[in-house]
Amino acid sequence: MMKIFVKVKPNSKTESVKKIDPERGREGSQRVSASYGVDPAHFEIRTKSTPREGKANAAVISALARHLGISKSQIKILAGAKSKQKIFEIL
């Protein structure tokens, strides 16, 4: 199992998945990532979907699955379902 940290940008003009450097992120993100083990991946995902009724979460899961080349059923939200900062688990 692998942990992925995602910063979501809903209501964007374009959709994209970009791997980011955790050193540039918030200091709090670094503390959380240290508690989950060795160097988890950090991504910034922009989606056109609105953050209502789980639409943005579904779009983020779809984008991550496409980017990683896995099925959507292999991705679960561990934390941040109602936040822009999310932690996903890849099964």
C-alpha atoms as a PDB file:
ATOM      1  CA  MET A   1       0.000   0.000   0.000  1.00  0.00           C
ATOM      2  CA  MET A   2       1.187   3.481  -0.825  1.00  0.00           C
ATOM      3  CA  LYS A   3       0.107   6.897   0.495  1.00  0.00           C
ATOM      4  CA  ILE A   4      -0.325   9.860  -1.844  1.00  0.00           C
ATOM      5  CA  PHE A   5      -0.767  13.437  -0.663  1.00  0.00           C
ATOM      6  CA  VAL A   6      -2.832  15.652  -2.961  1.00  0.00           C
ATOM      7  CA  LYS A   7      -3.500  19.374  -3.054  1.00  0.00           C
ATOM      8  CA  VAL A   8      -6.742  19.876  -5.003  1.00  0.00           C
ATOM      9  CA  LYS A   9      -7.604  22.971  -7.022  1.00  0.00           C
ATOM     10  CA  PRO A  10     -11.337  22.681  -7.870  1.00  0.00           C
ATOM     11  CA  ASN A  11     -13.118  24.963 -10.372  1.00  0.00           C
ATOM     12  CA  SER A  12      -9.952  25.244 -12.482  1.00  0.00           C
ATOM     13  CA  LYS A  13     -10.003  26.250 -16.140  1.00  0.00           C
ATOM     14  CA  THR A  14      -7.919  23.224 -17.081  1.00  0.00           C
ATOM     15  CA  GLU A  15      -7.519  19.720 -15.704  1.00  0.00           C
ATOM     16  CA  SER A  16      -4.032  18.535 -14.826  1.00  0.00           C
ATOM     17  CA  VAL A  17      -2.007  16.279 -12.546  1.00  0.00           C
ATOM     18  CA  LYS A  18       1.396  17.551 -11.471  1.00  0.00           C
ATOM     19  CA  LYS A  19       3.875  15.915  -9.111  1.00  0.00           C
ATOM     20  CA  ILE A  20       5.157  18.525  -6.664  1.00  0.00           C
ATOM     21  CA  ASP A  21       8.093  18.828  -4.302  1.00  0.00           C
ATOM     22  CA  PRO A  22       6.915  18.442  -0.667  1.00  0.00           C
ATOM     23  CA  GLU A  23       9.614  20.892   0.449  1.00  0.00           C
ATOM     24  CA  ARG A  24       7.686  23.690  -1.296  1.00  0.00           C
ATOM     25  CA  GLY A  25       4.456  22.726   0.453  1.00  0.00           C
ATOM     26  CA  ARG A  26       3.181  23.861   3.818  1.00  0.00           C
ATOM     27  CA  GLU A  27       5.204  22.987   6.886  1.00  0.00           C
ATOM     28  CA  GLY A  28       2.226  20.996   8.222  1.00  0.00           C
ATOM     29  CA  SER A  29       2.287  18.778   5.138  1.00  0.00           C
ATOM     30  CA  GLN A  30       5.870  17.788   5.885  1.00  0.00           C
ATOM     31  CA  ARG A  31       4.983  16.731   9.426  1.00  0.00           C
ATOM     32  CA  VAL A  32       2.070  14.601   8.235  1.00  0.00           C
ATOM     33  CA  SER A  33       4.141  12.941   5.500  1.00  0.00           C
ATOM     34  CA  ALA A  34       6.842  12.012   8.008  1.00  0.00           C
ATOM     35  CA  SER A  35       4.291  10.074  10.065  1.00  0.00           C
ATOM     36  CA  TYR A  36       3.274   7.956   7.060  1.00  0.00           C
ATOM     37  CA  GLY A  37       6.696   6.536   6.301  1.00  0.00           C
ATOM     38  CA  VAL A  38       9.250   6.837   3.539  1.00  0.00           C
ATOM     39  CA  ASP A  39       8.856   9.640   0.982  1.00  0.00           C
ATOM     40  CA  PRO A  40       5.212   9.459  -0.131  1.00  0.00           C
ATOM     41  CA  ALA A  41       4.254  11.082  -3.430  1.00  0.00           C
ATOM     42  CA  HIS A  42       2.834  14.609  -3.477  1.00  0.00           C
ATOM     43  CA  PHE A  43       0.592  15.840  -6.301  1.00  0.00           C
ATOM     44  CA  GLU A  44      -1.310  18.972  -7.255  1.00  0.00           C
ATOM     45  CA  ILE A  45      -4.479  18.127  -9.162  1.00  0.00           C
ATOM     46  CA  ARG A  46      -6.554  20.741 -10.950  1.00  0.00           C
ATOM     47  CA  THR A  47     -10.114  19.815 -11.846  1.00  0.00           C
ATOM     48  CA  LYS A  48     -12.990  21.619 -13.531  1.00  0.00           C
ATOM     49  CA  SER A  49     -15.453  19.979 -11.138  1.00  0.00           C
ATOM     50  CA  THR A  50     -17.038  21.868  -8.279  1.00  0.00           C
ATOM     51  CA  PRO A  51     -16.381  20.821  -4.681  1.00  0.00           C
ATOM     52  CA  ARG A  52     -20.030  19.891  -4.091  1.00  0.00           C
ATOM     53  CA  GLU A  53     -21.601  16.512  -3.429  1.00  0.00           C
ATOM     54  CA  GLY A  54     -18.275  14.696  -3.922  1.00  0.00           C
ATOM     55  CA  LYS A  55     -17.920  15.709  -7.590  1.00  0.00           C
ATOM     56  CA  ALA A  56     -14.392  17.073  -7.149  1.00  0.00           C
ATOM     57  CA  ASN A  57     -13.335  13.990  -5.163  1.00  0.00           C
ATOM     58  CA  ALA A  58     -14.593  11.717  -7.945  1.00  0.00           C
ATOM     59  CA  ALA A  59     -12.759  13.811 -10.542  1.00  0.00           C
ATOM     60  CA  VAL A  60      -9.541  13.679  -8.493  1.00  0.00           C
ATOM     61  CA  ILE A  61      -9.776   9.894  -8.152  1.00  0.00           C
ATOM     62  CA  SER A  62     -10.348   9.570 -11.915  1.00  0.00           C
ATOM     63  CA  ALA A  63      -7.396  11.852 -12.705  1.00  0.00           C
ATOM     64  CA  LEU A  64      -5.101   9.996 -10.295  1.00  0.00           C
ATOM     65  CA  ALA A  65      -6.138   6.624 -11.737  1.00  0.00           C
ATOM     66  CA  ARG A  66      -5.418   7.816 -15.298  1.00  0.00           C
ATOM     67  CA  HIS A  67      -2.078   9.314 -14.275  1.00  0.00           C
ATOM     68  CA  LEU A  68      -0.941   6.206 -12.371  1.00  0.00           C
ATOM     69  CA  GLY A  69      -2.404   3.719 -14.862  1.00  0.00           C
ATOM     70  CA  ILE A  70      -4.568   1.902 -12.305  1.00  0.00           C
ATOM     71  CA  SER A  71      -8.298   1.394 -11.793  1.00  0.00           C
ATOM     72  CA  LYS A  72     -10.356   3.852  -9.738  1.00  0.00           C
ATOM     73  CA  SER A  73     -11.330   1.081  -7.324  1.00  0.00           C
ATOM     74  CA  GLN A  74      -7.697   0.852  -6.182  1.00  0.00           C
ATOM     75  CA  ILE A  75      -7.766   4.429  -4.799  1.00  0.00           C
ATOM     76  CA  LYS A  76      -9.321   5.270  -1.422  1.00  0.00           C
ATOM     77  CA  ILE A  77      -9.533   8.602   0.425  1.00  0.00           C
ATOM     78  CA  LEU A  78      -7.941   8.248   3.861  1.00  0.00           C
ATOM     79  CA  ALA A  79      -8.235  11.850   5.007  1.00  0.00           C
ATOM     80  CA  GLY A  80      -9.481  15.214   3.765  1.00  0.00           C
ATOM     81  CA  ALA A  81     -12.716  14.239   2.020  1.00  0.00           C
ATOM     82  CA  LYS A  82     -14.003  17.785   2.619  1.00  0.00           C
ATOM     83  CA  SER A  83     -10.654  19.569   2.367  1.00  0.00           C
ATOM     84  CA  LYS A  84      -8.345  20.719  -0.428  1.00  0.00           C
ATOM     85  CA  GLN A  85      -5.516  18.762   1.214  1.00  0.00           C
ATOM     86  CA  LYS A  86      -6.196  15.032   0.827  1.00  0.00           C
ATOM     87  CA  ILE A  87      -4.442  11.777   1.601  1.00  0.00           C
ATOM     88  CA  PHE A  88      -5.146   8.805  -0.653  1.00  0.00           C
ATOM     89  CA  GLU A  89      -4.219   5.171  -0.281  1.00  0.00           C
ATOM     90  CA  ILE A  90      -3.301   3.128  -3.329  1.00  0.00           C
ATOM     91  CA  LEU A  91      -4.158  -0.542  -2.854  1.00  0.00           C
END
